[in-house]
Protein backbone atom coordinates (compact mmCIF):
# COMPACT_ATOMS: atom_id res chain seq x y z
CA MET A 1 93.93 185.56 -47.71
CA ASN A 2 94.28 182.87 -46.09
CA ILE A 3 94.29 179.29 -47.19
CA SER A 4 94.42 175.94 -45.73
CA LYS A 5 97.84 174.24 -44.46
CA THR A 6 96.29 171.46 -47.55
CA MET A 7 97.40 174.07 -49.93
CA LEU A 8 101.13 173.04 -49.07
CA SER A 9 100.84 169.94 -50.10
CA LEU A 10 99.50 171.18 -53.43
CA ASN A 11 102.57 173.20 -54.53
CA LYS A 12 104.39 170.81 -56.86
CA HIS A 13 107.45 173.34 -57.16
CA ASN A 14 108.10 174.05 -53.55
CA LYS A 15 110.94 171.40 -52.48
CA ASP A 16 111.53 172.75 -49.51
CA ASP A 17 108.12 171.83 -47.91
CA LYS A 18 107.98 168.89 -45.47
CA PHE A 19 104.48 167.90 -46.82
CA SER A 20 104.21 165.86 -49.70
CA TYR A 21 101.51 164.14 -52.07
CA ASN A 22 99.86 161.24 -50.31
CA SER A 23 99.37 157.54 -51.26
CA LEU A 24 95.53 158.40 -51.96
CA SER A 25 92.58 156.35 -52.63
CA SER A 26 93.49 153.37 -54.31
CA VAL A 27 89.68 153.30 -56.01
CA TYR A 28 91.49 156.14 -58.94
CA ASN A 29 94.73 154.29 -59.10
CA ASP A 30 97.26 156.66 -60.88
CA ASN A 31 94.32 159.29 -62.03
CA THR A 32 93.90 160.13 -58.18
CA LYS A 33 96.43 162.94 -58.30
CA ASN A 34 93.97 164.70 -60.53
CA ILE A 35 91.04 164.46 -58.32
CA PRO A 36 90.40 167.53 -55.77
CA ILE A 37 90.53 167.34 -52.11
CA ALA A 38 87.46 168.19 -50.21
CA ASP A 39 88.76 170.98 -47.47
CA THR A 40 87.09 172.17 -44.53
CA GLY A 41 89.78 174.75 -43.46
CA ALA A 42 90.02 176.33 -47.37
CA THR A 43 88.52 179.75 -47.69
CA ASP A 44 87.29 179.65 -50.83
CA THR A 45 87.16 176.95 -54.04
CA PHE A 46 90.28 176.88 -55.37
CA ILE A 47 90.84 175.10 -59.14
CA ARG A 48 93.59 173.87 -61.51
CA GLN A 49 93.02 175.78 -65.06
CA SER A 50 92.84 172.03 -66.06
CA ASP A 51 89.70 171.46 -63.73
CA ALA A 52 87.88 174.78 -64.85
CA THR A 53 84.92 174.08 -67.06
CA THR A 54 83.71 178.04 -67.00
CA HIS A 55 85.85 180.83 -66.72
CA THR A 56 83.33 183.83 -65.84
CA ASN A 57 85.87 186.79 -65.48
CA ASP A 58 89.67 187.47 -64.76
CA THR A 59 89.17 189.18 -61.74
CA THR A 60 92.44 187.82 -59.98
CA ILE A 61 93.76 187.37 -56.24
CA GLN A 62 96.55 186.70 -54.42
CA VAL A 63 96.78 183.81 -51.94
CA LYS A 64 99.53 183.34 -49.20
CA LEU A 65 100.46 179.36 -48.37
CA PRO A 66 101.80 178.58 -45.35
CA ASN A 67 105.83 178.81 -46.01
CA GLY A 68 105.01 182.47 -47.10
CA ASN A 69 105.26 181.95 -50.50
CA SER A 70 102.14 183.60 -52.74
CA ILE A 71 100.52 182.38 -55.85
CA GLN A 72 97.50 184.53 -57.74
CA SER A 73 94.81 183.55 -59.57
CA GLN A 74 94.00 183.48 -63.70
CA GLY A 75 90.20 184.43 -62.80
CA ASN A 76 86.81 183.00 -61.20
CA GLY A 77 84.35 180.33 -62.62
CA LYS A 78 81.75 178.34 -61.66
CA ILE A 79 81.26 174.61 -60.23
CA ASN A 80 77.49 173.31 -61.34
CA THR A 81 76.10 171.49 -58.73
CA PRO A 82 72.80 169.74 -58.17
CA ALA A 83 69.04 172.00 -58.13
CA PRO A 84 68.41 173.44 -55.51
CA LEU A 85 71.88 174.56 -55.02
CA SER A 86 73.22 177.37 -56.84
CA PRO A 87 76.74 177.18 -58.53
CA ILE A 88 79.87 177.21 -56.24
CA SER A 89 81.94 180.47 -57.31
CA THR A 90 85.47 179.19 -57.97
CA HIS A 91 89.18 181.16 -58.08
CA ILE A 92 91.35 179.62 -61.15
CA PHE A 93 95.03 178.88 -60.65
CA ASN A 94 97.79 177.91 -63.43
CA ASP A 95 98.54 173.99 -62.86
CA LYS A 96 102.17 174.88 -62.10
CA ASP A 97 100.80 176.80 -59.09
CA LEU A 98 98.20 174.57 -57.91
CA GLY A 99 99.00 170.76 -57.81
CA ARG A 100 95.39 169.84 -56.68
CA SER A 101 92.50 171.29 -56.73
CA LEU A 102 90.53 172.64 -53.66
CA ILE A 103 86.58 172.03 -53.07
CA SER A 104 85.90 174.19 -49.87
CA ILE A 105 82.96 172.23 -48.05
CA ALA A 106 82.03 175.41 -46.67
CA ASP A 107 80.71 176.10 -50.00
CA TYR A 108 78.10 173.49 -49.48
CA CYS A 109 77.68 174.07 -45.71
CA ASN A 110 76.60 177.56 -46.23
CA GLN A 111 73.77 176.35 -48.60
CA GLY A 112 72.40 173.90 -45.97
CA CYS A 113 74.10 171.01 -46.73
CA THR A 114 75.47 168.70 -44.18
CA ALA A 115 78.77 166.91 -44.89
CA VAL A 116 79.82 163.44 -43.11
CA PHE A 117 83.36 162.29 -43.26
CA THR A 118 83.88 158.49 -42.63
CA ASP A 119 87.24 156.36 -42.21
CA LYS A 120 86.00 155.71 -46.42
CA LYS A 121 83.86 157.84 -47.84
CA LEU A 122 82.63 161.60 -47.54
CA THR A 123 79.02 161.87 -48.10
CA ILE A 124 77.16 165.71 -48.54
CA LYS A 125 73.39 165.97 -48.23
CA HIS A 126 71.13 168.54 -48.92
CA ASN A 127 67.51 167.75 -47.31
CA ASN A 128 68.84 164.32 -46.84
CA LYS A 129 69.32 164.02 -50.82
CA ILE A 130 73.03 162.85 -51.81
CA VAL A 131 74.34 166.05 -53.45
CA ALA A 132 78.03 164.61 -53.47
CA THR A 133 80.38 161.88 -52.63
CA GLY A 134 84.06 161.46 -51.96
CA TYR A 135 86.23 158.85 -51.35
CA LYS A 136 89.80 157.77 -49.35
CA GLU A 137 91.23 154.74 -48.36
CA LYS A 138 90.75 154.12 -44.37
CA ASN A 139 94.62 154.86 -43.60
CA GLU A 140 94.87 158.13 -45.72
CA LYS A 141 94.65 161.40 -44.75
CA LEU A 142 92.81 162.98 -47.60
CA TRP A 143 89.15 162.64 -48.91
CA ASN A 144 88.95 162.88 -52.96
CA LEU A 145 86.05 164.99 -54.03
CA PRO A 146 85.67 164.67 -57.90
CA LEU A 147 84.22 167.52 -59.79
CA PRO A 148 80.89 166.80 -61.84
CA HIS A 149 82.85 166.62 -65.07
CA GLN A 150 85.73 164.11 -63.96
CA THR A 151 85.35 160.28 -63.89
CA PRO A 152 88.11 158.01 -62.34
CA SER A 153 89.98 155.85 -65.07
CA ASN A 154 88.18 152.92 -63.38
CA ALA A 155 84.65 154.17 -62.77
CA ALA A 156 83.10 150.82 -64.31
CA ALA A 157 84.27 149.15 -61.23
CA ILE A 158 83.11 152.02 -58.35
CA ASN A 159 79.80 151.56 -60.05
CA ASN A 160 79.65 148.10 -59.38
CA VAL A 161 79.76 149.02 -55.49
CA ILE A 162 78.46 153.15 -55.20
CA THR A 163 75.48 153.92 -56.74
CA HIS A 164 75.58 157.69 -57.74
CA THR A 165 71.77 158.52 -55.78
CA HIS A 166 71.27 162.00 -57.55
CA ASN A 167 71.78 160.37 -61.24
CA ALA A 168 69.66 157.43 -60.30
CA ASP A 169 66.83 159.45 -58.97
CA TYR A 170 67.16 161.50 -61.99
CA VAL A 171 67.20 158.61 -64.19
CA ALA A 172 64.15 157.31 -62.33
CA PHE A 173 62.06 160.54 -62.85
CA TRP A 174 61.83 160.70 -66.70
CA HIS A 175 61.75 157.42 -66.87
CA ALA A 176 58.58 157.44 -65.28
CA THR A 177 57.49 160.35 -66.67
CA LEU A 178 58.03 158.89 -70.09
CA GLY A 179 55.84 156.19 -69.12
CA SER A 180 58.47 153.54 -68.09
CA PRO A 181 59.59 152.57 -71.34
CA THR A 182 61.99 149.89 -72.24
CA ILE A 183 65.30 151.12 -71.78
CA LYS A 184 66.15 150.13 -75.34
CA THR A 185 63.43 152.57 -76.71
CA LEU A 186 64.54 155.32 -74.11
CA LEU A 187 68.00 154.74 -75.19
CA ASN A 188 67.36 155.01 -79.00
CA ALA A 189 64.96 157.95 -78.01
CA VAL A 190 67.95 159.83 -76.87
CA ARG A 191 70.45 159.32 -79.61
CA LYS A 192 67.88 160.58 -82.10
CA ASN A 193 67.79 163.80 -80.03
CA TYR A 194 63.93 163.20 -79.44
CA LEU A 195 64.64 164.34 -75.89
CA LYS A 196 66.95 166.89 -76.35
CA MET A 197 64.88 169.01 -74.37
CA ILE A 198 65.58 167.46 -71.27
CA PRO A 199 68.86 168.30 -69.85
CA LYS A 200 71.67 165.99 -68.45
CA LEU A 201 69.65 162.99 -69.76
CA THR A 202 72.63 160.99 -71.77
CA THR A 203 72.68 157.24 -72.81
CA SER A 204 76.12 157.04 -70.50
CA ILE A 205 74.01 158.45 -67.37
CA ILE A 206 70.92 156.26 -68.03
CA SER A 207 73.07 153.17 -68.91
CA ALA A 208 74.76 153.54 -65.41
CA ASN A 209 71.59 154.15 -63.73
CA ILE A 210 69.24 151.49 -65.39
CA PRO A 211 65.51 151.77 -63.90
CA ASN A 212 64.04 148.08 -62.86
CA ILE A 213 60.47 148.34 -61.87
CA ALA A 214 57.63 146.75 -62.43
CA ALA A 215 55.77 149.19 -64.77
CA THR A 216 58.12 148.72 -67.33
CA ALA A 217 57.92 144.81 -67.06
CA LYS A 218 53.99 144.99 -66.72
CA GLY A 219 53.55 147.31 -69.87
CA HIS A 220 55.62 145.55 -72.40
CA LEU A 221 55.11 141.97 -71.94
CA HIS A 222 54.32 140.18 -75.48
CA MET A 223 53.23 136.95 -76.16
CA ASN A 224 53.43 134.97 -79.45
CA ARG A 225 50.97 134.67 -82.08
CA GLN A 226 49.05 131.30 -82.25
CA GLY A 227 49.50 129.51 -85.59
CA ILE A 228 53.22 129.82 -86.16
CA ARG A 229 53.84 126.52 -86.69
CA SER A 230 50.49 125.40 -87.64
CA THR A 231 49.75 121.61 -88.77
CA LYS A 232 46.37 122.88 -90.33
CA LEU A 233 45.96 121.53 -93.86
CA TYR A 234 45.95 124.28 -96.74
CA PRO A 235 42.19 124.67 -97.80
CA SER A 236 40.80 123.82 -101.10
CA THR A 237 40.71 125.95 -104.09
CA ALA A 238 37.03 126.58 -103.89
CA GLU A 239 37.93 127.72 -100.15
CA GLU A 240 40.99 129.56 -101.22
CA GLU A 241 38.70 131.74 -103.99
CA ASP A 242 36.27 132.40 -101.25
CA ASN A 243 38.86 133.72 -98.98
CA ASP A 244 40.34 135.76 -101.29
CA LEU A 245 36.99 137.39 -102.12
CA GLN A 246 36.30 138.16 -98.62
CA MET A 247 39.59 139.51 -98.16
CA GLU A 248 39.30 141.57 -101.19
CA GLN A 249 35.98 143.41 -99.86
CA SER A 250 37.89 144.13 -96.59
CA TYR A 251 40.73 145.91 -98.42
CA ALA A 252 41.00 149.28 -100.09
CA TYR A 253 43.30 149.88 -102.79
CA ALA A 254 45.51 152.77 -103.53
CA VAL A 255 46.74 152.90 -107.07
CA ASP A 256 49.00 154.99 -108.77
CA TYR A 257 46.63 155.95 -112.06
CA ASN A 258 49.53 157.57 -114.20
CA ASP A 259 51.43 153.95 -114.09
CA ASN A 260 48.24 151.85 -113.47
CA MET A 261 49.89 150.30 -110.60
CA LEU A 262 49.12 149.16 -107.53
CA THR A 263 51.49 150.76 -104.84
CA GLN A 264 49.88 150.02 -101.56
CA VAL A 265 47.29 147.45 -99.50
CA ILE A 266 45.73 149.19 -96.71
CA ASP A 267 43.64 147.17 -94.23
CA ILE A 268 40.28 148.96 -93.59
CA SER A 269 38.86 148.00 -90.02
CA PRO A 270 35.86 149.25 -88.31
CA THR A 271 37.21 148.50 -84.80
CA ILE A 272 38.92 151.24 -82.58
CA HIS A 273 41.12 150.00 -79.89
CA THR A 274 41.56 151.89 -76.80
CA ASP A 275 43.48 151.97 -73.59
CA LEU A 276 44.97 153.49 -70.64
CA THR A 277 48.66 154.32 -69.66
CA GLY A 278 49.68 153.77 -66.30
CA LYS A 279 49.20 156.37 -63.73
CA PHE A 280 52.41 159.35 -64.37
CA PRO A 281 54.29 160.15 -61.12
CA VAL A 282 53.27 163.90 -61.15
CA THR A 283 50.43 165.56 -61.81
CA SER A 284 50.18 167.88 -64.79
CA HIS A 285 49.37 171.90 -64.34
CA LYS A 286 45.94 171.13 -65.81
CA GLY A 287 45.30 167.91 -63.25
CA ASN A 288 46.03 165.12 -65.71
CA ASN A 289 47.48 161.71 -64.45
CA TYR A 290 46.68 159.72 -67.56
CA VAL A 291 46.56 159.51 -70.91
CA GLN A 292 43.92 157.60 -73.05
CA VAL A 293 45.81 155.88 -75.97
CA SER A 294 43.77 154.99 -78.96
CA GLU A 295 44.45 153.36 -82.28
CA TYR A 296 41.91 153.28 -85.27
CA ASN A 297 43.85 151.92 -89.06
CA GLY A 298 47.42 152.66 -87.79
CA TYR A 299 46.62 156.10 -86.60
CA ILE A 300 47.27 156.72 -82.76
CA HIS A 301 45.55 159.61 -81.19
CA MET A 302 46.07 160.71 -77.49
CA VAL A 303 44.14 162.26 -74.97
CA PRO A 304 44.68 163.25 -71.56
CA GLN A 305 42.71 162.36 -68.72
CA ALA A 306 42.60 163.65 -64.88
CA THR A 307 41.57 160.10 -63.34
CA LYS A 308 40.53 156.62 -63.57
CA SER A 309 36.67 157.44 -63.03
CA ALA A 310 33.86 156.50 -65.43
CA SER A 311 33.18 160.18 -65.73
CA ASP A 312 36.55 161.05 -66.81
CA HIS A 313 37.10 158.18 -68.71
CA LEU A 314 33.78 159.00 -70.89
CA LYS A 315 35.22 162.47 -71.26
CA ALA A 316 38.24 161.26 -72.88
CA LEU A 317 36.57 158.73 -74.99
CA LYS A 318 33.85 161.28 -76.42
CA LEU A 319 36.88 163.31 -77.46
CA THR A 320 38.39 160.85 -79.24
CA LEU A 321 35.49 159.59 -81.15
CA GLU A 322 34.76 163.11 -82.15
CA PHE A 323 38.29 163.56 -83.22
CA PHE A 324 37.78 160.68 -85.64
CA LYS A 325 34.36 161.61 -87.06
CA ALA A 326 35.53 165.11 -87.73
CA SER A 327 38.14 163.46 -89.80
CA GLY A 328 35.43 161.26 -91.98
CA ASN A 329 36.15 157.89 -90.18
CA ILE A 330 33.73 156.65 -88.33
CA PRO A 331 34.46 153.52 -86.16
CA THR A 332 31.65 151.36 -85.56
CA ILE A 333 33.30 148.63 -83.03
CA GLN A 334 35.11 149.92 -79.67
CA ARG A 335 37.75 147.34 -78.62
CA MET A 336 39.16 147.67 -74.97
CA ASP A 337 39.92 145.75 -71.74
CA ASN A 338 37.73 144.82 -68.88
CA GLU A 339 38.14 148.48 -66.77
CA THR A 340 34.97 149.75 -68.21
CA SER A 341 31.91 151.31 -66.50
CA ALA A 342 28.04 150.97 -67.12
CA ILE A 343 27.54 154.70 -68.27
CA VAL A 344 30.71 154.31 -70.87
CA ASN A 345 28.92 151.18 -72.20
CA GLU A 346 25.52 152.76 -72.62
CA TYR A 347 26.92 155.85 -74.31
CA LEU A 348 28.87 153.54 -76.85
CA GLN A 349 25.56 151.12 -77.54
CA LYS A 350 23.08 153.26 -77.82
CA GLU A 351 23.76 156.62 -78.28
CA VAL A 352 26.69 156.15 -81.01
CA HIS A 353 25.54 152.29 -81.53
CA MET A 354 28.88 150.82 -81.37
CA LYS A 355 29.22 147.36 -80.42
CA ILE A 356 31.58 146.97 -77.73
CA GLU A 357 34.43 143.95 -77.42
CA LEU A 358 36.38 143.38 -74.67
CA VAL A 359 39.81 141.72 -74.66
CA PRO A 360 40.42 138.44 -72.73
CA PRO A 361 41.67 138.88 -69.25
CA ASN A 362 45.31 138.98 -68.83
CA ASN A 363 45.78 138.49 -72.74
CA HIS A 364 46.00 141.70 -74.47
CA ARG A 365 47.56 140.92 -77.45
CA THR A 366 44.40 141.42 -79.68
CA LEU A 367 44.34 145.10 -78.44
CA HIS A 368 45.97 147.29 -80.64
CA ALA A 369 46.28 150.15 -78.15
CA GLU A 370 48.54 148.08 -75.84
CA ARG A 371 51.28 148.39 -78.67
CA ALA A 372 50.46 151.93 -79.42
CA ILE A 373 51.05 153.23 -75.95
CA GLN A 374 54.83 152.06 -76.45
CA THR A 375 54.78 153.80 -79.54
CA ALA A 376 53.13 156.98 -78.27
CA LYS A 377 55.98 156.66 -75.39
CA ILE A 378 58.57 158.04 -78.04
CA ILE A 379 56.58 160.43 -79.81
């Protein structure tokens, strides 16, 4: 098997060779010498043992160098590539025999990719989506193509200039799929392993590719409550007693009868709060694009909804009310935003005899379902 002349510059122990290491991209500083080289002449992908992350079998080959010497591999492995590409097969060599790993560009192009070389950059695309990126200085001779698991020592400086498009698209997709939560909420969910079923979604990849979309801002605006620094005078003693009596009638007390001790106070409200999430980026296999979220006395109930039409809205609302009715809890007031319809209002008022309350425009602070949606996004 022949190999590109680039290999000659990689054999560190062949002192007679006239080739030597080039002064590679300063972007990587001293760590550049560990970055593989993108090679259009290599017959296969050749990986140093220290760069290999998988070892599939021990089948070996001998590779003849341009100076006549030969080196023997230690086995085969794989390099993971972004979907829909297949993993690239590699030959693994001892570090003392192979000074730099060689990534065969043919292994990408044979899968329908296009490789574009410029004086500073290498871009490999599949269906116009970037799947790999390499770098070099303008006056250098080799393009560096990092493996997926390799990170340059000053990666933060690189991220300030170059966005990893594949990772950014990946994070943006799952962020939108999960309902565009705040980044803090998303990171907490990942740290607590709530999203362990999603491959490659880590705190590091999220932090490096934070999505900035209007849906997050619009769905998480909070207004300050009124009366926090009120100058209103306290009521008289008689008024306080009346208020205490009214409050007592609107609360139910959970008592530990063994110790005859009050342990919890639960606010019993007749109002159910309902709101609709934003449209999800991908339609579910059952044809749903939204989720109707309802909150009743602290309990959050969710029902998928196909469209924002009045008929689908009513269908989801009926399922919600039937759920609470079956559990013995029957709300008497329906609070929602202004996105309602005549058939929904008629059903609530005439069939289930519920009072309708609409929150003020541009002020959804009194709609508990707004806050419930934020909680539901990480469940």
